[in-house]
Amino acid sequence: MRTPASTLAQFAIAGRSGIVTGAASGIGLAYAETLAEAGARVTLTDIDRDGVQREAERLRGEGFDVRADVLDVADRAACTAVFDAHAAAFGGLDICFANAGLGEGPGWVGPDGARVPDGQVDSYDDALWDRSIAINLTGSYNTMRNAARLMKAGGANGGRGGGSIVATASNAGLILEPIVPMPYHPAKAGVLHMVRALALELAAYRIRVNAIAPGPFVTNIGGGWAKKDPAVRAAFDATIPLGAMAETHQMKPLALYLASDASSFMTGSTLLIDGGVALGAPK
């Protein structure tokens, strides 16, 4: 590999193409903005039709080369069609953020520290379990398998193949968060192990697969509780050694690092960005 002209040159992604799932808001939107701001051509996808189209229109108005597509990542056929449409529009795929996810339902402990009856395993709503697994785990599989398919073809790289796949996992895939819905934990732990398996499988094609494991960010996940309920926000803030939940713009430098050649020797890794939560509650 040729030595880059500078360290900063390794972060360049101008002219590449990327797709981001769950891009209508939150961390997914931050990923899409990162790619667009760095000169990549981007497809924003989300199940929220109005939201994803609104954000794509805003970014186009700012001069970025983006498009929008509606996508439920649990729908396998729809996922394939959306990826094919991206490849047709942009000539292939270089970067994929498998980000779409949800955190519906109660944890077994509430913000006040009391047990929540509906969050107990013996009374948990089966529909919430099924939906969490379908979106968070199967949806990530549907996304990454289509990314691998296009990246193997290598159209966007002048036939040279390769690419970067980044899955949004969670610190809840590594540690236990009683306030977080129970199905979210195994779903995100499964994403982390799938990333490792795919990284090993796809290394021969120069396709890198890594995971970001966010801690408490202020987003719409879980119904946007941290935005709407001061008690929930305070409960999360109290668990964070750095003192407060993160805003989504704090994810952007890490996203660019993993999308670009700056991380060219990294695959199968999980990067934890959680303000120190995994270290334990502050004293």
C-alpha atoms as a PDB file:
ATOM      1  CA  MET A   1       0.000   0.000   0.000  1.00  0.00           C
ATOM      2  CA  ARG A   2       1.298   3.444  -0.927  1.00  0.00           C
ATOM      3  CA  THR A   3       2.075   5.676   2.013  1.00  0.00           C
ATOM      4  CA  PRO A   4      -0.491   8.534   2.107  1.00  0.00           C
ATOM      5  CA  ALA A   5       0.766  12.064   1.526  1.00  0.00           C
ATOM      6  CA  SER A   6      -0.335  13.015   5.033  1.00  0.00           C
ATOM      7  CA  THR A   7      -2.218  11.695   8.013  1.00  0.00           C
ATOM      8  CA  LEU A   8      -5.201  13.867   7.156  1.00  0.00           C
ATOM      9  CA  ALA A   9      -5.283  12.460   3.621  1.00  0.00           C
ATOM     10  CA  GLN A  10      -6.212   9.087   5.078  1.00  0.00           C
ATOM     11  CA  PHE A  11      -9.555  10.534   6.212  1.00  0.00           C
ATOM     12  CA  ALA A  12     -10.547  11.616   2.682  1.00  0.00           C
ATOM     13  CA  ILE A  13     -13.725   9.975   1.336  1.00  0.00           C
ATOM     14  CA  ALA A  14     -14.742  12.522  -1.313  1.00  0.00           C
ATOM     15  CA  GLY A  15     -16.317  10.835  -4.312  1.00  0.00           C
ATOM     16  CA  ARG A  16     -17.103   7.592  -2.511  1.00  0.00           C
ATOM     17  CA  SER A  17     -20.661   6.436  -1.950  1.00  0.00           C
ATOM     18  CA  GLY A  18     -22.333   5.401   1.266  1.00  0.00           C
ATOM     19  CA  ILE A  19     -25.674   4.219   2.558  1.00  0.00           C
ATOM     20  CA  VAL A  20     -26.984   4.806   6.073  1.00  0.00           C
ATOM     21  CA  THR A  21     -29.998   3.053   7.595  1.00  0.00           C
ATOM     22  CA  GLY A  22     -32.045   4.778  10.268  1.00  0.00           C
ATOM     23  CA  ALA A  23     -30.872   8.134   8.938  1.00  0.00           C
ATOM     24  CA  ALA A  24     -33.918  10.311   9.559  1.00  0.00           C
ATOM     25  CA  SER A  25     -32.706  11.381  12.994  1.00  0.00           C
ATOM     26  CA  GLY A  26     -30.251  10.754  15.786  1.00  0.00           C
ATOM     27  CA  ILE A  27     -26.986   8.920  15.296  1.00  0.00           C
ATOM     28  CA  GLY A  28     -27.968   7.743  11.800  1.00  0.00           C
ATOM     29  CA  LEU A  29     -28.488  11.303  10.659  1.00  0.00           C
ATOM     30  CA  ALA A  30     -25.119  12.240  12.169  1.00  0.00           C
ATOM     31  CA  TYR A  31     -23.502   9.434  10.138  1.00  0.00           C
ATOM     32  CA  ALA A  32     -25.174  10.651   6.937  1.00  0.00           C
ATOM     33  CA  GLU A  33     -24.142  14.256   7.608  1.00  0.00           C
ATOM     34  CA  THR A  34     -20.568  13.131   8.243  1.00  0.00           C
ATOM     35  CA  LEU A  35     -20.334  11.325   4.905  1.00  0.00           C
ATOM     36  CA  ALA A  36     -21.986  14.161   2.989  1.00  0.00           C
ATOM     37  CA  GLU A  37     -19.876  16.871   4.624  1.00  0.00           C
ATOM     38  CA  ALA A  38     -16.747  14.910   3.674  1.00  0.00           C
ATOM     39  CA  GLY A  39     -17.776  14.826   0.020  1.00  0.00           C
ATOM     40  CA  ALA A  40     -19.298  11.357  -0.261  1.00  0.00           C
ATOM     41  CA  ARG A  41     -22.487  10.608  -2.174  1.00  0.00           C
ATOM     42  CA  VAL A  42     -25.043   9.297   0.293  1.00  0.00           C
ATOM     43  CA  THR A  43     -28.360   7.462   0.421  1.00  0.00           C
ATOM     44  CA  LEU A  44     -30.303   8.123   3.603  1.00  0.00           C
ATOM     45  CA  THR A  45     -32.803   5.382   4.448  1.00  0.00           C
ATOM     46  CA  ASP A  46     -35.394   5.157   7.178  1.00  0.00           C
ATOM     47  CA  ILE A  47     -38.831   3.733   7.864  1.00  0.00           C
ATOM     48  CA  ASP A  48     -39.888   7.328   8.606  1.00  0.00           C
ATOM     49  CA  ARG A  49     -40.794   8.507   5.097  1.00  0.00           C
ATOM     50  CA  ASP A  50     -41.392  12.149   5.948  1.00  0.00           C
ATOM     51  CA  GLY A  51     -38.341  12.415   8.173  1.00  0.00           C
ATOM     52  CA  VAL A  52     -35.836  10.869   5.787  1.00  0.00           C
ATOM     53  CA  GLN A  53     -37.097  12.859   2.825  1.00  0.00           C
ATOM     54  CA  ARG A  54     -37.028  16.077   4.852  1.00  0.00           C
ATOM     55  CA  GLU A  55     -33.433  15.539   5.961  1.00  0.00           C
ATOM     56  CA  ALA A  56     -32.265  14.549   2.471  1.00  0.00           C
ATOM     57  CA  GLU A  57     -33.887  17.646   1.034  1.00  0.00           C
ATOM     58  CA  ARG A  58     -32.184  19.789   3.665  1.00  0.00           C
ATOM     59  CA  LEU A  59     -28.784  18.294   2.848  1.00  0.00           C
ATOM     60  CA  ARG A  60     -29.329  18.742  -0.889  1.00  0.00           C
ATOM     61  CA  GLY A  61     -30.180  22.360  -0.179  1.00  0.00           C
ATOM     62  CA  GLU A  62     -26.798  22.682   1.518  1.00  0.00           C
ATOM     63  CA  GLY A  63     -25.119  21.461  -1.666  1.00  0.00           C
ATOM     64  CA  PHE A  64     -24.546  17.804  -0.816  1.00  0.00           C
ATOM     65  CA  ASP A  65     -25.082  14.864  -3.189  1.00  0.00           C
ATOM     66  CA  VAL A  66     -27.665  12.807  -1.308  1.00  0.00           C
ATOM     67  CA  ARG A  67     -30.815  10.835  -2.005  1.00  0.00           C
ATOM     68  CA  ALA A  68     -33.472   9.270   0.217  1.00  0.00           C
ATOM     69  CA  ASP A  69     -35.228   5.923   0.269  1.00  0.00           C
ATOM     70  CA  VAL A  70     -37.859   4.505   2.600  1.00  0.00           C
ATOM     71  CA  LEU A  71     -36.755   1.244   4.202  1.00  0.00           C
ATOM     72  CA  ASP A  72     -37.886  -1.158   6.896  1.00  0.00           C
ATOM     73  CA  VAL A  73     -34.657  -3.106   7.469  1.00  0.00           C
ATOM     74  CA  ALA A  74     -36.626  -6.130   8.669  1.00  0.00           C
ATOM     75  CA  ASP A  75     -38.079  -6.476   5.149  1.00  0.00           C
ATOM     76  CA  ARG A  76     -35.449  -8.529   3.337  1.00  0.00           C
ATOM     77  CA  ALA A  77     -36.759  -7.947  -0.190  1.00  0.00           C
ATOM     78  CA  ALA A  78     -37.117  -4.217   0.395  1.00  0.00           C
ATOM     79  CA  CYS A  79     -33.571  -4.043   1.728  1.00  0.00           C
ATOM     80  CA  THR A  80     -32.210  -5.691  -1.412  1.00  0.00           C
ATOM     81  CA  ALA A  81     -34.180  -3.318  -3.633  1.00  0.00           C
ATOM     82  CA  VAL A  82     -32.982  -0.210  -1.775  1.00  0.00           C
ATOM     83  CA  PHE A  83     -29.344  -1.275  -2.021  1.00  0.00           C
ATOM     84  CA  ASP A  84     -29.744  -2.014  -5.722  1.00  0.00           C
ATOM     85  CA  ALA A  85     -31.251   1.445  -6.227  1.00  0.00           C
ATOM     86  CA  HIS A  86     -28.279   3.009  -4.436  1.00  0.00           C
ATOM     87  CA  ALA A  87     -25.835   1.092  -6.658  1.00  0.00           C
ATOM     88  CA  ALA A  88     -27.723   2.141  -9.773  1.00  0.00           C
ATOM     89  CA  ALA A  89     -27.631   5.792  -8.715  1.00  0.00           C
ATOM     90  CA  PHE A  90     -24.013   5.936  -7.523  1.00  0.00           C
ATOM     91  CA  GLY A  91     -22.250   3.118  -9.371  1.00  0.00           C
ATOM     92  CA  GLY A  92     -21.661   0.818  -6.419  1.00  0.00           C
ATOM     93  CA  LEU A  93     -21.071   1.055  -2.689  1.00  0.00           C
ATOM     94  CA  ASP A  94     -18.004   1.955  -0.607  1.00  0.00           C
ATOM     95  CA  ILE A  95     -19.393   2.630   2.869  1.00  0.00           C
ATOM     96  CA  CYS A  96     -22.367   1.264   4.784  1.00  0.00           C
ATOM     97  CA  PHE A  97     -23.618   2.215   8.224  1.00  0.00           C
ATOM     98  CA  ALA A  98     -25.992  -0.504   9.479  1.00  0.00           C
ATOM     99  CA  ASN A  99     -27.563   1.768  12.017  1.00  0.00           C
ATOM    100  CA  ALA A 100     -31.364   1.327  12.124  1.00  0.00           C
ATOM    101  CA  GLY A 101     -32.550   0.226  15.542  1.00  0.00           C
ATOM    102  CA  LEU A 102     -35.118   0.724  18.260  1.00  0.00           C
ATOM    103  CA  GLY A 103     -35.399   0.403  22.010  1.00  0.00           C
ATOM    104  CA  GLU A 104     -39.107   0.097  22.679  1.00  0.00           C
ATOM    105  CA  GLY A 105     -40.515  -1.122  25.963  1.00  0.00           C
ATOM    106  CA  PRO A 106     -39.497  -0.858  29.618  1.00  0.00           C
ATOM    107  CA  GLY A 107     -36.402  -2.059  31.362  1.00  0.00           C
ATOM    108  CA  TRP A 108     -36.853  -4.079  34.510  1.00  0.00           C
ATOM    109  CA  VAL A 109     -35.825  -1.042  36.539  1.00  0.00           C
ATOM    110  CA  GLY A 110     -37.263   2.444  36.101  1.00  0.00           C
ATOM    111  CA  PRO A 111     -35.508   5.817  36.390  1.00  0.00           C
ATOM    112  CA  ASP A 112     -36.368   5.896  40.098  1.00  0.00           C
ATOM    113  CA  GLY A 113     -34.637   2.550  40.719  1.00  0.00           C
ATOM    114  CA  ALA A 114     -37.878   0.667  41.378  1.00  0.00           C
ATOM    115  CA  ARG A 115     -38.664  -2.579  39.572  1.00  0.00           C
ATOM    116  CA  VAL A 116     -41.044  -2.264  36.621  1.00  0.00           C
ATOM    117  CA  PRO A 117     -43.586  -5.124  36.432  1.00  0.00           C
ATOM    118  CA  ASP A 118     -43.955  -4.965  32.633  1.00  0.00           C
ATOM    119  CA  GLY A 119     -40.193  -5.103  32.231  1.00  0.00           C
ATOM    120  CA  GLN A 120     -39.819  -8.448  34.020  1.00  0.00           C
ATOM    121  CA  VAL A 121     -38.926 -11.417  31.831  1.00  0.00           C
ATOM    122  CA  ASP A 122     -41.946 -13.473  32.896  1.00  0.00           C
ATOM    123  CA  SER A 123     -44.416 -10.756  31.876  1.00  0.00           C
ATOM    124  CA  TYR A 124     -42.606  -9.103  28.970  1.00  0.00           C
ATOM    125  CA  ASP A 125     -44.665  -8.384  25.855  1.00  0.00           C
ATOM    126  CA  ASP A 126     -43.747 -10.994  23.218  1.00  0.00           C
ATOM    127  CA  ALA A 127     -44.429  -8.494  20.427  1.00  0.00           C
ATOM    128  CA  LEU A 128     -41.750  -6.154  21.828  1.00  0.00           C
ATOM    129  CA  TRP A 129     -39.234  -9.010  21.913  1.00  0.00           C
ATOM    130  CA  ASP A 130     -40.028 -10.015  18.324  1.00  0.00           C
ATOM    131  CA  ARG A 131     -39.788  -6.466  17.014  1.00  0.00           C
ATOM    132  CA  SER A 132     -36.505  -5.774  18.802  1.00  0.00           C
ATOM    133  CA  ILE A 133     -34.882  -8.878  17.349  1.00  0.00           C
ATOM    134  CA  ALA A 134     -36.351  -8.206  13.886  1.00  0.00           C
ATOM    135  CA  ILE A 135     -35.066  -4.626  13.674  1.00  0.00           C
ATOM    136  CA  ASN A 136     -31.916  -4.617  15.787  1.00  0.00           C
ATOM    137  CA  LEU A 137     -30.481  -8.016  14.859  1.00  0.00           C
ATOM    138  CA  THR A 138     -32.121  -9.338  11.693  1.00  0.00           C
ATOM    139  CA  GLY A 139     -32.246  -5.831  10.240  1.00  0.00           C
ATOM    140  CA  SER A 140     -28.500  -5.480  10.768  1.00  0.00           C
ATOM    141  CA  TYR A 141     -27.990  -8.833   9.044  1.00  0.00           C
ATOM    142  CA  ASN A 142     -30.145  -7.785   6.080  1.00  0.00           C
ATOM    143  CA  THR A 143     -28.208  -4.540   5.791  1.00  0.00           C
ATOM    144  CA  MET A 144     -24.706  -5.972   6.069  1.00  0.00           C
ATOM    145  CA  ARG A 145     -25.330  -8.874   3.693  1.00  0.00           C
ATOM    146  CA  ASN A 146     -26.461  -6.461   0.980  1.00  0.00           C
ATOM    147  CA  ALA A 147     -23.496  -4.198   1.651  1.00  0.00           C
ATOM    148  CA  ALA A 148     -21.162  -7.163   1.284  1.00  0.00           C
ATOM    149  CA  ARG A 149     -22.846  -8.189  -1.962  1.00  0.00           C
ATOM    150  CA  LEU A 150     -22.299  -4.781  -3.547  1.00  0.00           C
ATOM    151  CA  MET A 151     -18.819  -4.274  -2.142  1.00  0.00           C
ATOM    152  CA  LYS A 152     -17.660  -7.613  -3.525  1.00  0.00           C
ATOM    153  CA  ALA A 153     -18.728  -6.369  -6.952  1.00  0.00           C
ATOM    154  CA  GLY A 154     -16.534  -3.312  -6.387  1.00  0.00           C
ATOM    155  CA  GLY A 155     -18.309  -1.048  -8.864  1.00  0.00           C
ATOM    156  CA  ALA A 156     -17.764   2.134  -6.898  1.00  0.00           C
ATOM    157  CA  ASN A 157     -14.041   1.393  -6.544  1.00  0.00           C
ATOM    158  CA  GLY A 158     -13.217   1.028 -10.226  1.00  0.00           C
ATOM    159  CA  GLY A 159     -13.498  -2.749  -9.947  1.00  0.00           C
ATOM    160  CA  ARG A 160     -10.984  -3.061  -7.102  1.00  0.00           C
ATOM    161  CA  GLY A 161     -13.520  -4.207  -4.511  1.00  0.00           C
ATOM    162  CA  GLY A 162     -13.339  -3.485  -0.819  1.00  0.00           C
ATOM    163  CA  GLY A 163     -15.266  -1.163   1.449  1.00  0.00           C
ATOM    164  CA  SER A 164     -16.177  -0.357   5.033  1.00  0.00           C
ATOM    165  CA  ILE A 165     -19.228  -1.662   6.896  1.00  0.00           C
ATOM    166  CA  VAL A 166     -19.986  -0.146  10.280  1.00  0.00           C
ATOM    167  CA  ALA A 167     -22.715  -1.528  12.532  1.00  0.00           C
ATOM    168  CA  THR A 168     -24.271   0.455  15.341  1.00  0.00           C
ATOM    169  CA  ALA A 169     -24.311  -1.828  18.352  1.00  0.00           C
ATOM    170  CA  SER A 170     -24.576  -0.510  21.915  1.00  0.00           C
ATOM    171  CA  ASN A 171     -22.759  -0.554  25.206  1.00  0.00           C
ATOM    172  CA  ALA A 172     -25.812  -2.609  26.270  1.00  0.00           C
ATOM    173  CA  GLY A 173     -24.344  -5.389  24.126  1.00  0.00           C
ATOM    174  CA  LEU A 174     -21.326  -5.402  26.454  1.00  0.00           C
ATOM    175  CA  ILE A 175     -22.720  -4.506  29.873  1.00  0.00           C
ATOM    176  CA  LEU A 176     -26.117  -4.755  31.538  1.00  0.00           C
ATOM    177  CA  GLU A 177     -28.298  -1.648  31.690  1.00  0.00           C
ATOM    178  CA  PRO A 178     -31.389  -2.440  33.825  1.00  0.00           C
ATOM    179  CA  ILE A 179     -33.200   0.685  32.619  1.00  0.00           C
ATOM    180  CA  VAL A 180     -32.834  -0.484  28.995  1.00  0.00           C
ATOM    181  CA  PRO A 181     -35.439  -2.902  27.520  1.00  0.00           C
ATOM    182  CA  MET A 182     -34.337  -6.488  28.069  1.00  0.00           C
ATOM    183  CA  PRO A 183     -34.506  -7.651  24.382  1.00  0.00           C
ATOM    184  CA  TYR A 184     -32.166  -4.832  23.383  1.00  0.00           C
ATOM    185  CA  HIS A 185     -29.275  -6.508  25.220  1.00  0.00           C
ATOM    186  CA  PRO A 186     -29.188  -9.842  23.345  1.00  0.00           C
ATOM    187  CA  ALA A 187     -29.985  -8.137  20.037  1.00  0.00           C
ATOM    188  CA  LYS A 188     -27.023  -5.782  20.294  1.00  0.00           C
ATOM    189  CA  ALA A 189     -24.739  -8.493  21.685  1.00  0.00           C
ATOM    190  CA  GLY A 190     -25.665 -10.516  18.604  1.00  0.00           C
ATOM    191  CA  VAL A 191     -24.730  -7.606  16.356  1.00  0.00           C
ATOM    192  CA  LEU A 192     -21.288  -7.439  17.971  1.00  0.00           C
ATOM    193  CA  HIS A 193     -20.624 -11.128  17.408  1.00  0.00           C
ATOM    194  CA  MET A 194     -21.976 -10.948  13.851  1.00  0.00           C
ATOM    195  CA  VAL A 195     -19.535  -8.107  13.149  1.00  0.00           C
ATOM    196  CA  ARG A 196     -16.634 -10.313  14.228  1.00  0.00           C
ATOM    197  CA  ALA A 197     -17.860 -13.237  12.126  1.00  0.00           C
ATOM    198  CA  LEU A 198     -18.368 -11.106   9.011  1.00  0.00           C
ATOM    199  CA  ALA A 199     -15.042  -9.335   9.482  1.00  0.00           C
ATOM    200  CA  LEU A 200     -13.246 -12.657   9.284  1.00  0.00           C
ATOM    201  CA  GLU A 201     -15.325 -13.873   6.347  1.00  0.00           C
ATOM    202  CA  LEU A 202     -15.010 -10.697   4.286  1.00  0.00           C
ATOM    203  CA  ALA A 203     -11.356  -9.831   4.951  1.00  0.00           C
ATOM    204  CA  ALA A 204     -10.323 -11.726   1.818  1.00  0.00           C
ATOM    205  CA  TYR A 205     -12.391  -9.237  -0.204  1.00  0.00           C
ATOM    206  CA  ARG A 206     -10.791  -6.240   1.592  1.00  0.00           C
ATOM    207  CA  ILE A 207     -14.140  -5.433   3.154  1.00  0.00           C
ATOM    208  CA  ARG A 208     -13.702  -4.176   6.707  1.00  0.00           C
ATOM    209  CA  VAL A 209     -16.479  -4.714   9.250  1.00  0.00           C
ATOM    210  CA  ASN A 210     -16.457  -2.875  12.564  1.00  0.00           C
ATOM    211  CA  ALA A 211     -18.924  -1.834  15.241  1.00  0.00           C
ATOM    212  CA  ILE A 212     -19.592   1.325  17.179  1.00  0.00           C
ATOM    213  CA  ALA A 213     -21.044   0.744  20.639  1.00  0.00           C
ATOM    214  CA  PRO A 214     -22.659   3.982  21.793  1.00  0.00           C
ATOM    215  CA  GLY A 215     -23.618   4.637  25.359  1.00  0.00           C
ATOM    216  CA  PRO A 216     -26.198   7.249  26.331  1.00  0.00           C
ATOM    217  CA  PHE A 217     -26.761   9.662  23.431  1.00  0.00           C
ATOM    218  CA  VAL A 218     -29.682  12.067  23.214  1.00  0.00           C
ATOM    219  CA  THR A 219     -31.753  10.575  20.365  1.00  0.00           C
ATOM    220  CA  ASN A 220     -35.290   9.426  19.623  1.00  0.00           C
ATOM    221  CA  ILE A 221     -34.582   5.835  20.650  1.00  0.00           C
ATOM    222  CA  GLY A 222     -36.844   4.537  23.375  1.00  0.00           C
ATOM    223  CA  GLY A 223     -39.463   7.059  22.311  1.00  0.00           C
ATOM    224  CA  GLY A 224     -37.073   9.925  22.932  1.00  0.00           C
ATOM    225  CA  TRP A 225     -37.470   9.584  26.689  1.00  0.00           C
ATOM    226  CA  ALA A 226     -34.215  11.338  27.451  1.00  0.00           C
ATOM    227  CA  LYS A 227     -35.462  14.365  25.504  1.00  0.00           C
ATOM    228  CA  LYS A 228     -38.961  14.379  26.982  1.00  0.00           C
ATOM    229  CA  ASP A 229     -38.580  13.237  30.580  1.00  0.00           C
ATOM    230  CA  PRO A 230     -36.151  15.060  32.884  1.00  0.00           C
ATOM    231  CA  ALA A 231     -36.216  12.095  35.297  1.00  0.00           C
ATOM    232  CA  VAL A 232     -34.981   9.732  32.605  1.00  0.00           C
ATOM    233  CA  ARG A 233     -32.308  12.207  31.531  1.00  0.00           C
ATOM    234  CA  ALA A 234     -31.162  12.659  35.123  1.00  0.00           C
ATOM    235  CA  ALA A 235     -31.069   8.885  35.674  1.00  0.00           C
ATOM    236  CA  PHE A 236     -28.818   8.395  32.661  1.00  0.00           C
ATOM    237  CA  ASP A 237     -26.623  11.407  33.476  1.00  0.00           C
ATOM    238  CA  ALA A 238     -26.003  10.006  36.961  1.00  0.00           C
ATOM    239  CA  THR A 239     -24.450   6.842  35.499  1.00  0.00           C
ATOM    240  CA  ILE A 240     -21.936   8.661  33.276  1.00  0.00           C
ATOM    241  CA  PRO A 241     -18.426   9.381  34.578  1.00  0.00           C
ATOM    242  CA  LEU A 242     -18.050  12.260  32.095  1.00  0.00           C
ATOM    243  CA  GLY A 243     -21.187  13.781  33.568  1.00  0.00           C
ATOM    244  CA  ALA A 244     -23.868  13.898  30.890  1.00  0.00           C
ATOM    245  CA  MET A 245     -25.384  12.178  27.893  1.00  0.00           C
ATOM    246  CA  ALA A 246     -23.729  12.883  24.545  1.00  0.00           C
ATOM    247  CA  GLU A 247     -25.107  14.814  21.602  1.00  0.00           C
ATOM    248  CA  THR A 248     -25.044  13.147  18.201  1.00  0.00           C
ATOM    249  CA  HIS A 249     -22.416  15.507  16.742  1.00  0.00           C
ATOM    250  CA  GLN A 250     -19.932  13.874  19.120  1.00  0.00           C
ATOM    251  CA  MET A 251     -20.227  10.693  17.041  1.00  0.00           C
ATOM    252  CA  LYS A 252     -19.081  12.293  13.777  1.00  0.00           C
ATOM    253  CA  PRO A 253     -15.269  12.056  14.119  1.00  0.00           C
ATOM    254  CA  LEU A 254     -15.476   8.365  14.976  1.00  0.00           C
ATOM    255  CA  ALA A 255     -17.823   7.743  12.044  1.00  0.00           C
ATOM    256  CA  LEU A 256     -15.400   9.393   9.619  1.00  0.00           C
ATOM    257  CA  TYR A 257     -12.502   7.395  11.036  1.00  0.00           C
ATOM    258  CA  LEU A 258     -14.233   4.060  10.415  1.00  0.00           C
ATOM    259  CA  ALA A 259     -15.606   5.071   7.017  1.00  0.00           C
ATOM    260  CA  SER A 260     -12.223   6.167   5.714  1.00  0.00           C
ATOM    261  CA  ASP A 261      -8.811   4.662   5.021  1.00  0.00           C
ATOM    262  CA  ALA A 262      -7.667   6.030   8.376  1.00  0.00           C
ATOM    263  CA  SER A 263      -8.940   2.729   9.804  1.00  0.00           C
ATOM    264  CA  SER A 264      -7.578   0.613   6.937  1.00  0.00           C
ATOM    265  CA  PHE A 265      -5.958  -1.956   9.268  1.00  0.00           C
ATOM    266  CA  MET A 266      -8.968  -2.297  11.554  1.00  0.00           C
ATOM    267  CA  THR A 267     -11.629  -4.976  11.186  1.00  0.00           C
ATOM    268  CA  GLY A 268     -13.718  -6.968  13.638  1.00  0.00           C
ATOM    269  CA  SER A 269     -13.317  -4.257  16.261  1.00  0.00           C
ATOM    270  CA  THR A 270     -15.847  -2.657  18.582  1.00  0.00           C
ATOM    271  CA  LEU A 271     -15.284   0.981  19.474  1.00  0.00           C
ATOM    272  CA  LEU A 272     -17.002   1.958  22.703  1.00  0.00           C
ATOM    273  CA  ILE A 273     -18.158   5.587  22.942  1.00  0.00           C
ATOM    274  CA  ASP A 274     -20.061   5.866  26.187  1.00  0.00           C
ATOM    275  CA  GLY A 275     -18.548   8.577  28.368  1.00  0.00           C
ATOM    276  CA  GLY A 276     -17.025   5.932  30.621  1.00  0.00           C
ATOM    277  CA  VAL A 277     -20.293   4.162  31.504  1.00  0.00           C
ATOM    278  CA  ALA A 278     -18.737   0.716  31.120  1.00  0.00           C
ATOM    279  CA  LEU A 279     -16.214   1.652  33.810  1.00  0.00           C
ATOM    280  CA  GLY A 280     -18.956   1.845  36.429  1.00  0.00           C
ATOM    281  CA  ALA A 281     -21.026   4.585  38.016  1.00  0.00           C
ATOM    282  CA  PRO A 282     -19.136   7.699  39.095  1.00  0.00           C
ATOM    283  CA  LYS A 283     -18.403   8.041  42.803  1.00  0.00           C
END
